[in-house]
All heavy atoms as atom14 arrays in JSON, in Angstrom:
{
  "sequence": "SLTLALAGAGASVLAVELDRHVLPALESVVAGVGDVTVEQGDALEL",
  "atom14_mask": [
    [1, 1, 1, 1, 1, 1, 0, 0, 0, 0, 0, 0, 0, 0],
    [1, 1, 1, 1, 1, 1, 1, 1, 0, 0, 0, 0, 0, 0],
    [1, 1, 1, 1, 1, 1, 1, 0, 0, 0, 0, 0, 0, 0],
    [1, 1, 1, 1, 1, 1, 1, 1, 0, 0, 0, 0, 0, 0],
    [1, 1, 1, 1, 1, 0, 0, 0, 0, 0, 0, 0, 0, 0],
    [1, 1, 1, 1, 1, 1, 1, 1, 0, 0, 0, 0, 0, 0],
    [1, 1, 1, 1, 1, 0, 0, 0, 0, 0, 0, 0, 0, 0],
    [1, 1, 1, 1, 0, 0, 0, 0, 0, 0, 0, 0, 0, 0],
    [1, 1, 1, 1, 1, 0, 0, 0, 0, 0, 0, 0, 0, 0],
    [1, 1, 1, 1, 0, 0, 0, 0, 0, 0, 0, 0, 0, 0],
    [1, 1, 1, 1, 1, 0, 0, 0, 0, 0, 0, 0, 0, 0],
    [1, 1, 1, 1, 1, 1, 0, 0, 0, 0, 0, 0, 0, 0],
    [1, 1, 1, 1, 1, 1, 1, 0, 0, 0, 0, 0, 0, 0],
    [1, 1, 1, 1, 1, 1, 1, 1, 0, 0, 0, 0, 0, 0],
    [1, 1, 1, 1, 1, 0, 0, 0, 0, 0, 0, 0, 0, 0],
    [1, 1, 1, 1, 1, 1, 1, 0, 0, 0, 0, 0, 0, 0],
    [1, 1, 1, 1, 1, 1, 1, 1, 1, 0, 0, 0, 0, 0],
    [1, 1, 1, 1, 1, 1, 1, 1, 0, 0, 0, 0, 0, 0],
    [1, 1, 1, 1, 1, 1, 1, 1, 0, 0, 0, 0, 0, 0],
    [1, 1, 1, 1, 1, 1, 1, 1, 1, 1, 1, 0, 0, 0],
    [1, 1, 1, 1, 1, 1, 1, 1, 1, 1, 0, 0, 0, 0],
    [1, 1, 1, 1, 1, 1, 1, 0, 0, 0, 0, 0, 0, 0],
    [1, 1, 1, 1, 1, 1, 1, 1, 0, 0, 0, 0, 0, 0],
    [1, 1, 1, 1, 1, 1, 1, 0, 0, 0, 0, 0, 0, 0],
    [1, 1, 1, 1, 1, 0, 0, 0, 0, 0, 0, 0, 0, 0],
    [1, 1, 1, 1, 1, 1, 1, 1, 0, 0, 0, 0, 0, 0],
    [1, 1, 1, 1, 1, 1, 1, 1, 1, 0, 0, 0, 0, 0],
    [1, 1, 1, 1, 1, 1, 0, 0, 0, 0, 0, 0, 0, 0],
    [1, 1, 1, 1, 1, 1, 1, 0, 0, 0, 0, 0, 0, 0],
    [1, 1, 1, 1, 1, 1, 1, 0, 0, 0, 0, 0, 0, 0],
    [1, 1, 1, 1, 1, 0, 0, 0, 0, 0, 0, 0, 0, 0],
    [1, 1, 1, 1, 0, 0, 0, 0, 0, 0, 0, 0, 0, 0],
    [1, 1, 1, 1, 1, 1, 1, 0, 0, 0, 0, 0, 0, 0],
    [1, 1, 1, 1, 0, 0, 0, 0, 0, 0, 0, 0, 0, 0],
    [1, 1, 1, 1, 1, 1, 1, 1, 0, 0, 0, 0, 0, 0],
    [1, 1, 1, 1, 1, 1, 1, 0, 0, 0, 0, 0, 0, 0],
    [1, 1, 1, 1, 1, 1, 1, 0, 0, 0, 0, 0, 0, 0],
    [1, 1, 1, 1, 1, 1, 1, 0, 0, 0, 0, 0, 0, 0],
    [1, 1, 1, 1, 1, 1, 1, 1, 1, 0, 0, 0, 0, 0],
    [1, 1, 1, 1, 1, 1, 1, 1, 1, 0, 0, 0, 0, 0],
    [1, 1, 1, 1, 0, 0, 0, 0, 0, 0, 0, 0, 0, 0],
    [1, 1, 1, 1, 1, 1, 1, 1, 0, 0, 0, 0, 0, 0],
    [1, 1, 1, 1, 1, 0, 0, 0, 0, 0, 0, 0, 0, 0],
    [1, 1, 1, 1, 1, 1, 1, 1, 0, 0, 0, 0, 0, 0],
    [1, 1, 1, 1, 1, 1, 1, 1, 1, 0, 0, 0, 0, 0],
    [1, 1, 1, 1, 1, 1, 1, 1, 0, 0, 0, 0, 0, 0]
  ],
  "atom14_positions": [
    [[34.71, 5.64, 94.89], [33.71, 5.21, 93.9], [34.22, 5.41, 92.47], [34.18, 4.48, 91.65], [32.41, 6.01, 94.09], [31.81, 5.71, 95.33], [0.0, 0.0, 0.0], [0.0, 0.0, 0.0], [0.0, 0.0, 0.0], [0.0, 0.0, 0.0], [0.0, 0.0, 0.0], [0.0, 0.0, 0.0], [0.0, 0.0, 0.0], [0.0, 0.0, 0.0]],
    [[34.68, 6.61, 92.18], [35.19, 6.89, 90.84], [36.51, 6.19, 90.6], [36.79, 5.73, 89.48], [35.33, 8.4, 90.64], [35.87, 8.88, 89.3], [35.04, 8.34, 88.13], [35.92, 10.4, 89.25], [0.0, 0.0, 0.0], [0.0, 0.0, 0.0], [0.0, 0.0, 0.0], [0.0, 0.0, 0.0], [0.0, 0.0, 0.0], [0.0, 0.0, 0.0]],
    [[37.33, 6.06, 91.63], [38.62, 5.37, 91.5], [38.42, 3.96, 90.97], [39.14, 3.5, 90.07], [39.33, 5.31, 92.86], [39.22, 6.57, 93.52], [40.8, 4.94, 92.69], [0.0, 0.0, 0.0], [0.0, 0.0, 0.0], [0.0, 0.0, 0.0], [0.0, 0.0, 0.0], [0.0, 0.0, 0.0], [0.0, 0.0, 0.0], [0.0, 0.0, 0.0]],
    [[37.43, 3.25, 91.51], [37.15, 1.88, 91.07], [36.73, 1.85, 89.61], [37.13, 0.96, 88.86], [36.06, 1.26, 91.94], [36.43, 0.96, 93.39], [35.22, 0.4, 94.13], [37.61, -0.01, 93.48], [0.0, 0.0, 0.0], [0.0, 0.0, 0.0], [0.0, 0.0, 0.0], [0.0, 0.0, 0.0], [0.0, 0.0, 0.0], [0.0, 0.0, 0.0]],
    [[35.92, 2.82, 89.2], [35.48, 2.86, 87.79], [36.65, 3.12, 86.86], [36.74, 2.52, 85.78], [34.4, 3.94, 87.62], [0.0, 0.0, 0.0], [0.0, 0.0, 0.0], [0.0, 0.0, 0.0], [0.0, 0.0, 0.0], [0.0, 0.0, 0.0], [0.0, 0.0, 0.0], [0.0, 0.0, 0.0], [0.0, 0.0, 0.0], [0.0, 0.0, 0.0]],
    [[37.55, 4.0, 87.25], [38.72, 4.31, 86.42], [39.65, 3.1, 86.32], [40.13, 2.76, 85.24], [39.47, 5.51, 87.0], [38.7, 6.84, 87.0], [39.45, 7.88, 87.83], [38.48, 7.35, 85.59], [0.0, 0.0, 0.0], [0.0, 0.0, 0.0], [0.0, 0.0, 0.0], [0.0, 0.0, 0.0], [0.0, 0.0, 0.0], [0.0, 0.0, 0.0]],
    [[39.88, 2.46, 87.45], [40.72, 1.26, 87.45], [40.05, 0.14, 86.66], [40.71, -0.62, 85.94], [41.0, 0.81, 88.88], [0.0, 0.0, 0.0], [0.0, 0.0, 0.0], [0.0, 0.0, 0.0], [0.0, 0.0, 0.0], [0.0, 0.0, 0.0], [0.0, 0.0, 0.0], [0.0, 0.0, 0.0], [0.0, 0.0, 0.0], [0.0, 0.0, 0.0]],
    [[38.74, 0.04, 86.78], [38.0, -0.97, 86.04], [38.07, -0.78, 84.55], [37.96, -1.74, 83.77], [0.0, 0.0, 0.0], [0.0, 0.0, 0.0], [0.0, 0.0, 0.0], [0.0, 0.0, 0.0], [0.0, 0.0, 0.0], [0.0, 0.0, 0.0], [0.0, 0.0, 0.0], [0.0, 0.0, 0.0], [0.0, 0.0, 0.0], [0.0, 0.0, 0.0]],
    [[38.27, 0.47, 84.12], [38.41, 0.76, 82.69], [39.83, 0.46, 82.19], [40.1, 0.56, 80.99], [38.06, 2.22, 82.41], [0.0, 0.0, 0.0], [0.0, 0.0, 0.0], [0.0, 0.0, 0.0], [0.0, 0.0, 0.0], [0.0, 0.0, 0.0], [0.0, 0.0, 0.0], [0.0, 0.0, 0.0], [0.0, 0.0, 0.0], [0.0, 0.0, 0.0]],
    [[40.72, 0.11, 83.1], [42.08, -0.26, 82.71], [43.13, 0.79, 82.95], [44.3, 0.59, 82.59], [0.0, 0.0, 0.0], [0.0, 0.0, 0.0], [0.0, 0.0, 0.0], [0.0, 0.0, 0.0], [0.0, 0.0, 0.0], [0.0, 0.0, 0.0], [0.0, 0.0, 0.0], [0.0, 0.0, 0.0], [0.0, 0.0, 0.0], [0.0, 0.0, 0.0]],
    [[42.75, 1.94, 83.53], [43.7, 3.03, 83.73], [44.59, 2.8, 84.94], [44.21, 2.12, 85.9], [42.97, 4.35, 83.88], [0.0, 0.0, 0.0], [0.0, 0.0, 0.0], [0.0, 0.0, 0.0], [0.0, 0.0, 0.0], [0.0, 0.0, 0.0], [0.0, 0.0, 0.0], [0.0, 0.0, 0.0], [0.0, 0.0, 0.0], [0.0, 0.0, 0.0]],
    [[45.77, 3.4, 84.91], [46.62, 3.52, 86.1], [46.21, 4.82, 86.79], [46.18, 5.87, 86.15], [48.09, 3.57, 85.72], [48.48, 2.39, 85.05], [0.0, 0.0, 0.0], [0.0, 0.0, 0.0], [0.0, 0.0, 0.0], [0.0, 0.0, 0.0], [0.0, 0.0, 0.0], [0.0, 0.0, 0.0], [0.0, 0.0, 0.0], [0.0, 0.0, 0.0]],
    [[45.91, 4.75, 88.07], [45.32, 5.89, 88.77], [46.21, 6.35, 89.91], [46.64, 5.54, 90.75], [43.92, 5.54, 89.34], [43.29, 6.77, 90.0], [43.01, 5.0, 88.24], [0.0, 0.0, 0.0], [0.0, 0.0, 0.0], [0.0, 0.0, 0.0], [0.0, 0.0, 0.0], [0.0, 0.0, 0.0], [0.0, 0.0, 0.0], [0.0, 0.0, 0.0]],
    [[46.5, 7.65, 89.93], [47.12, 8.3, 91.08], [46.02, 9.09, 91.76], [45.54, 10.1, 91.22], [48.26, 9.22, 90.65], [48.85, 10.12, 91.74], [49.42, 9.3, 92.9], [49.93, 11.05, 91.16], [0.0, 0.0, 0.0], [0.0, 0.0, 0.0], [0.0, 0.0, 0.0], [0.0, 0.0, 0.0], [0.0, 0.0, 0.0], [0.0, 0.0, 0.0]],
    [[45.59, 8.64, 92.94], [44.48, 9.26, 93.66], [45.04, 10.08, 94.81], [45.68, 9.53, 95.72], [43.53, 8.18, 94.18], [0.0, 0.0, 0.0], [0.0, 0.0, 0.0], [0.0, 0.0, 0.0], [0.0, 0.0, 0.0], [0.0, 0.0, 0.0], [0.0, 0.0, 0.0], [0.0, 0.0, 0.0], [0.0, 0.0, 0.0], [0.0, 0.0, 0.0]],
    [[44.79, 11.4, 94.79], [45.34, 12.31, 95.79], [44.21, 12.8, 96.68], [43.3, 13.49, 96.22], [46.05, 13.5, 95.11], [46.53, 14.5, 96.16], [47.23, 13.01, 94.27], [0.0, 0.0, 0.0], [0.0, 0.0, 0.0], [0.0, 0.0, 0.0], [0.0, 0.0, 0.0], [0.0, 0.0, 0.0], [0.0, 0.0, 0.0], [0.0, 0.0, 0.0]],
    [[44.28, 12.44, 97.95], [43.23, 12.77, 98.91], [43.8, 13.65, 100.03], [44.84, 13.34, 100.61], [42.65, 11.49, 99.52], [41.65, 11.68, 100.63], [40.46, 12.54, 100.2], [39.87, 12.27, 99.13], [40.13, 13.5, 100.94], [0.0, 0.0, 0.0], [0.0, 0.0, 0.0], [0.0, 0.0, 0.0], [0.0, 0.0, 0.0], [0.0, 0.0, 0.0]],
    [[43.12, 14.74, 100.32], [43.56, 15.67, 101.35], [43.24, 15.17, 102.76], [44.06, 15.3, 103.67], [42.9, 17.03, 101.13], [43.11, 18.1, 102.2], [44.59, 18.46, 102.31], [42.27, 19.34, 101.9], [0.0, 0.0, 0.0], [0.0, 0.0, 0.0], [0.0, 0.0, 0.0], [0.0, 0.0, 0.0], [0.0, 0.0, 0.0], [0.0, 0.0, 0.0]],
    [[42.07, 14.59, 102.95], [41.56, 14.27, 104.28], [42.17, 12.98, 104.83], [41.87, 11.88, 104.37], [40.03, 14.14, 104.22], [39.39, 14.03, 105.59], [40.12, 13.95, 106.59], [38.14, 14.0, 105.66], [0.0, 0.0, 0.0], [0.0, 0.0, 0.0], [0.0, 0.0, 0.0], [0.0, 0.0, 0.0], [0.0, 0.0, 0.0], [0.0, 0.0, 0.0]],
    [[42.99, 13.11, 105.87], [43.64, 11.94, 106.48], [42.63, 10.97, 107.08], [42.88, 9.77, 107.17], [44.62, 12.39, 107.56], [45.8, 13.22, 107.04], [46.72, 13.64, 108.18], [47.8, 14.48, 107.71], [48.96, 14.03, 107.23], [49.15, 12.71, 107.17], [49.91, 14.85, 106.83], [0.0, 0.0, 0.0], [0.0, 0.0, 0.0], [0.0, 0.0, 0.0]],
    [[41.48, 11.49, 107.52], [40.48, 10.62, 108.13], [39.83, 9.69, 107.11], [39.34, 8.62, 107.47], [39.4, 11.47, 108.81], [39.93, 12.36, 109.89], [40.26, 13.67, 109.67], [40.21, 12.12, 111.2], [40.71, 14.21, 110.79], [40.7, 13.29, 111.73], [0.0, 0.0, 0.0], [0.0, 0.0, 0.0], [0.0, 0.0, 0.0], [0.0, 0.0, 0.0]],
    [[39.84, 10.07, 105.85], [39.21, 9.27, 104.81], [40.17, 8.21, 104.26], [39.75, 7.19, 103.72], [38.7, 10.19, 103.67], [38.27, 9.41, 102.45], [37.54, 11.05, 104.18], [0.0, 0.0, 0.0], [0.0, 0.0, 0.0], [0.0, 0.0, 0.0], [0.0, 0.0, 0.0], [0.0, 0.0, 0.0], [0.0, 0.0, 0.0], [0.0, 0.0, 0.0]],
    [[41.48, 8.46, 104.39], [42.48, 7.58, 103.77], [42.33, 6.1, 104.11], [42.4, 5.25, 103.21], [43.89, 8.05, 104.12], [44.43, 9.27, 103.35], [45.82, 9.61, 103.86], [44.47, 8.99, 101.85], [0.0, 0.0, 0.0], [0.0, 0.0, 0.0], [0.0, 0.0, 0.0], [0.0, 0.0, 0.0], [0.0, 0.0, 0.0], [0.0, 0.0, 0.0]],
    [[42.12, 5.72, 105.38], [42.0, 4.28, 105.67], [40.83, 3.63, 104.91], [40.97, 2.5, 104.41], [41.77, 4.25, 107.18], [42.4, 5.5, 107.68], [42.13, 6.51, 106.62], [0.0, 0.0, 0.0], [0.0, 0.0, 0.0], [0.0, 0.0, 0.0], [0.0, 0.0, 0.0], [0.0, 0.0, 0.0], [0.0, 0.0, 0.0], [0.0, 0.0, 0.0]],
    [[39.71, 4.32, 104.81], [38.57, 3.77, 104.08], [38.89, 3.66, 102.6], [38.6, 2.63, 101.96], [37.34, 4.63, 104.3], [0.0, 0.0, 0.0], [0.0, 0.0, 0.0], [0.0, 0.0, 0.0], [0.0, 0.0, 0.0], [0.0, 0.0, 0.0], [0.0, 0.0, 0.0], [0.0, 0.0, 0.0], [0.0, 0.0, 0.0], [0.0, 0.0, 0.0]],
    [[39.48, 4.69, 102.04], [39.85, 4.67, 100.62], [40.84, 3.54, 100.34], [40.68, 2.8, 99.35], [40.46, 6.02, 100.24], [41.07, 6.13, 98.83], [40.01, 5.91, 97.77], [41.74, 7.5, 98.65], [0.0, 0.0, 0.0], [0.0, 0.0, 0.0], [0.0, 0.0, 0.0], [0.0, 0.0, 0.0], [0.0, 0.0, 0.0], [0.0, 0.0, 0.0]],
    [[41.85, 3.41, 101.17], [42.85, 2.37, 100.95], [42.26, 0.97, 101.05], [42.65, 0.05, 100.32], [44.0, 2.56, 101.94], [44.84, 3.79, 101.62], [45.84, 4.14, 102.71], [45.66, 3.66, 103.86], [46.79, 4.89, 102.42], [0.0, 0.0, 0.0], [0.0, 0.0, 0.0], [0.0, 0.0, 0.0], [0.0, 0.0, 0.0], [0.0, 0.0, 0.0]],
    [[41.26, 0.79, 101.94], [40.61, -0.52, 102.04], [39.79, -0.83, 100.8], [39.7, -1.99, 100.37], [39.71, -0.57, 103.28], [38.53, 0.22, 103.12], [0.0, 0.0, 0.0], [0.0, 0.0, 0.0], [0.0, 0.0, 0.0], [0.0, 0.0, 0.0], [0.0, 0.0, 0.0], [0.0, 0.0, 0.0], [0.0, 0.0, 0.0], [0.0, 0.0, 0.0]],
    [[39.22, 0.19, 100.18], [38.39, -0.01, 98.98], [39.24, -0.39, 97.78], [38.87, -1.26, 96.99], [37.57, 1.28, 98.68], [36.96, 1.23, 97.29], [36.47, 1.45, 99.72], [0.0, 0.0, 0.0], [0.0, 0.0, 0.0], [0.0, 0.0, 0.0], [0.0, 0.0, 0.0], [0.0, 0.0, 0.0], [0.0, 0.0, 0.0], [0.0, 0.0, 0.0]],
    [[40.4, 0.26, 97.61], [41.2, 0.04, 96.41], [42.29, -1.01, 96.59], [43.04, -1.3, 95.65], [41.83, 1.36, 95.91], [40.76, 2.4, 95.64], [42.85, 1.89, 96.93], [0.0, 0.0, 0.0], [0.0, 0.0, 0.0], [0.0, 0.0, 0.0], [0.0, 0.0, 0.0], [0.0, 0.0, 0.0], [0.0, 0.0, 0.0], [0.0, 0.0, 0.0]],
    [[42.38, -1.6, 97.79], [43.42, -2.62, 98.05], [43.29, -3.76, 97.06], [42.23, -4.36, 96.91], [43.31, -3.14, 99.48], [0.0, 0.0, 0.0], [0.0, 0.0, 0.0], [0.0, 0.0, 0.0], [0.0, 0.0, 0.0], [0.0, 0.0, 0.0], [0.0, 0.0, 0.0], [0.0, 0.0, 0.0], [0.0, 0.0, 0.0], [0.0, 0.0, 0.0]],
    [[44.37, -4.05, 96.35], [44.38, -5.15, 95.4], [43.63, -4.9, 94.12], [43.41, -5.82, 93.32], [0.0, 0.0, 0.0], [0.0, 0.0, 0.0], [0.0, 0.0, 0.0], [0.0, 0.0, 0.0], [0.0, 0.0, 0.0], [0.0, 0.0, 0.0], [0.0, 0.0, 0.0], [0.0, 0.0, 0.0], [0.0, 0.0, 0.0], [0.0, 0.0, 0.0]],
    [[43.23, -3.65, 93.89], [42.44, -3.31, 92.7], [43.33, -2.66, 91.65], [43.81, -1.54, 91.84], [41.29, -2.35, 93.07], [40.59, -1.85, 91.81], [40.29, -3.04, 93.97], [0.0, 0.0, 0.0], [0.0, 0.0, 0.0], [0.0, 0.0, 0.0], [0.0, 0.0, 0.0], [0.0, 0.0, 0.0], [0.0, 0.0, 0.0], [0.0, 0.0, 0.0]],
    [[43.58, -3.32, 90.55], [44.28, -2.74, 89.42], [45.56, -2.02, 89.82], [46.25, -2.39, 90.77], [0.0, 0.0, 0.0], [0.0, 0.0, 0.0], [0.0, 0.0, 0.0], [0.0, 0.0, 0.0], [0.0, 0.0, 0.0], [0.0, 0.0, 0.0], [0.0, 0.0, 0.0], [0.0, 0.0, 0.0], [0.0, 0.0, 0.0], [0.0, 0.0, 0.0]],
    [[45.85, -0.95, 89.08], [47.06, -0.16, 89.31], [46.63, 1.18, 89.9], [46.43, 2.16, 89.19], [47.8, 0.04, 87.99], [49.11, 0.8, 88.16], [49.47, 1.09, 89.32], [49.75, 1.13, 87.15], [0.0, 0.0, 0.0], [0.0, 0.0, 0.0], [0.0, 0.0, 0.0], [0.0, 0.0, 0.0], [0.0, 0.0, 0.0], [0.0, 0.0, 0.0]],
    [[46.47, 1.21, 91.21], [46.01, 2.4, 91.92], [47.01, 2.77, 92.99], [47.4, 1.93, 93.81], [44.62, 2.19, 92.57], [44.21, 3.44, 93.35], [43.57, 1.86, 91.52], [0.0, 0.0, 0.0], [0.0, 0.0, 0.0], [0.0, 0.0, 0.0], [0.0, 0.0, 0.0], [0.0, 0.0, 0.0], [0.0, 0.0, 0.0], [0.0, 0.0, 0.0]],
    [[47.45, 4.04, 92.97], [48.33, 4.57, 94.01], [47.58, 5.67, 94.75], [47.03, 6.59, 94.12], [49.61, 5.16, 93.39], [50.29, 4.14, 92.66], [50.52, 5.7, 94.48], [0.0, 0.0, 0.0], [0.0, 0.0, 0.0], [0.0, 0.0, 0.0], [0.0, 0.0, 0.0], [0.0, 0.0, 0.0], [0.0, 0.0, 0.0], [0.0, 0.0, 0.0]],
    [[47.55, 5.58, 96.07], [46.88, 6.58, 96.9], [47.94, 7.42, 97.59], [48.87, 6.88, 98.2], [45.96, 5.91, 97.94], [45.38, 6.96, 98.89], [44.84, 5.14, 97.25], [0.0, 0.0, 0.0], [0.0, 0.0, 0.0], [0.0, 0.0, 0.0], [0.0, 0.0, 0.0], [0.0, 0.0, 0.0], [0.0, 0.0, 0.0], [0.0, 0.0, 0.0]],
    [[47.79, 8.75, 97.5], [48.69, 9.66, 98.2], [47.88, 10.68, 98.97], [46.81, 11.11, 98.52], [49.63, 10.37, 97.22], [50.65, 9.46, 96.57], [51.7, 10.23, 95.79], [51.73, 11.48, 95.91], [52.49, 9.59, 95.09], [0.0, 0.0, 0.0], [0.0, 0.0, 0.0], [0.0, 0.0, 0.0], [0.0, 0.0, 0.0], [0.0, 0.0, 0.0]],
    [[48.38, 11.05, 100.13], [47.76, 12.11, 100.9], [48.43, 13.43, 100.55], [49.66, 13.51, 100.49], [47.89, 11.84, 102.41], [47.03, 12.74, 103.3], [47.66, 14.1, 103.58], [48.88, 14.24, 103.59], [46.83, 15.11, 103.78], [0.0, 0.0, 0.0], [0.0, 0.0, 0.0], [0.0, 0.0, 0.0], [0.0, 0.0, 0.0], [0.0, 0.0, 0.0]],
    [[47.64, 14.46, 100.28], [48.24, 15.75, 99.96], [47.2, 16.75, 99.5], [46.04, 16.42, 99.25], [0.0, 0.0, 0.0], [0.0, 0.0, 0.0], [0.0, 0.0, 0.0], [0.0, 0.0, 0.0], [0.0, 0.0, 0.0], [0.0, 0.0, 0.0], [0.0, 0.0, 0.0], [0.0, 0.0, 0.0], [0.0, 0.0, 0.0], [0.0, 0.0, 0.0]],
    [[47.65, 17.98, 99.4], [46.81, 19.11, 99.0], [47.07, 19.4, 97.52], [48.2, 19.74, 97.14], [47.15, 20.33, 99.85], [46.21, 21.5, 99.63], [45.55, 21.54, 98.56], [46.15, 22.38, 100.5], [0.0, 0.0, 0.0], [0.0, 0.0, 0.0], [0.0, 0.0, 0.0], [0.0, 0.0, 0.0], [0.0, 0.0, 0.0], [0.0, 0.0, 0.0]],
    [[46.03, 19.31, 96.71], [46.18, 19.51, 95.26], [46.6, 20.93, 94.92], [47.06, 21.18, 93.8], [44.87, 19.17, 94.55], [0.0, 0.0, 0.0], [0.0, 0.0, 0.0], [0.0, 0.0, 0.0], [0.0, 0.0, 0.0], [0.0, 0.0, 0.0], [0.0, 0.0, 0.0], [0.0, 0.0, 0.0], [0.0, 0.0, 0.0], [0.0, 0.0, 0.0]],
    [[46.46, 21.86, 95.84], [46.88, 23.23, 95.59], [48.34, 23.47, 95.96], [48.86, 24.56, 95.73], [45.99, 24.21, 96.37], [44.52, 24.25, 95.92], [43.72, 25.16, 96.84], [44.41, 24.71, 94.48], [0.0, 0.0, 0.0], [0.0, 0.0, 0.0], [0.0, 0.0, 0.0], [0.0, 0.0, 0.0], [0.0, 0.0, 0.0], [0.0, 0.0, 0.0]],
    [[48.99, 22.44, 96.51], [50.38, 22.61, 96.95], [51.33, 21.56, 96.4], [52.53, 21.83, 96.26], [50.44, 22.58, 98.49], [49.69, 23.72, 99.16], [49.79, 23.66, 100.68], [50.47, 22.75, 101.2], [49.18, 24.53, 101.33], [0.0, 0.0, 0.0], [0.0, 0.0, 0.0], [0.0, 0.0, 0.0], [0.0, 0.0, 0.0], [0.0, 0.0, 0.0]],
    [[50.87, 20.37, 96.08], [51.75, 19.3, 95.62], [52.46, 19.67, 94.32], [51.89, 20.37, 93.46], [50.95, 18.02, 95.4], [50.49, 17.28, 96.66], [49.61, 16.1, 96.28], [51.69, 16.79, 97.47], [0.0, 0.0, 0.0], [0.0, 0.0, 0.0], [0.0, 0.0, 0.0], [0.0, 0.0, 0.0], [0.0, 0.0, 0.0], [0.0, 0.0, 0.0]]
  ]
}
């Protein structure tokens, strides 16, 4: 939801998601949308 708003404002977005189960849904939402890169990882370790 927020990723789309950020991309819609013109930003390049690096979206880091921990939950592997959510990734397919997230990737389907942002596919072809602006400059968005999705990565799986733990923000406390990357």
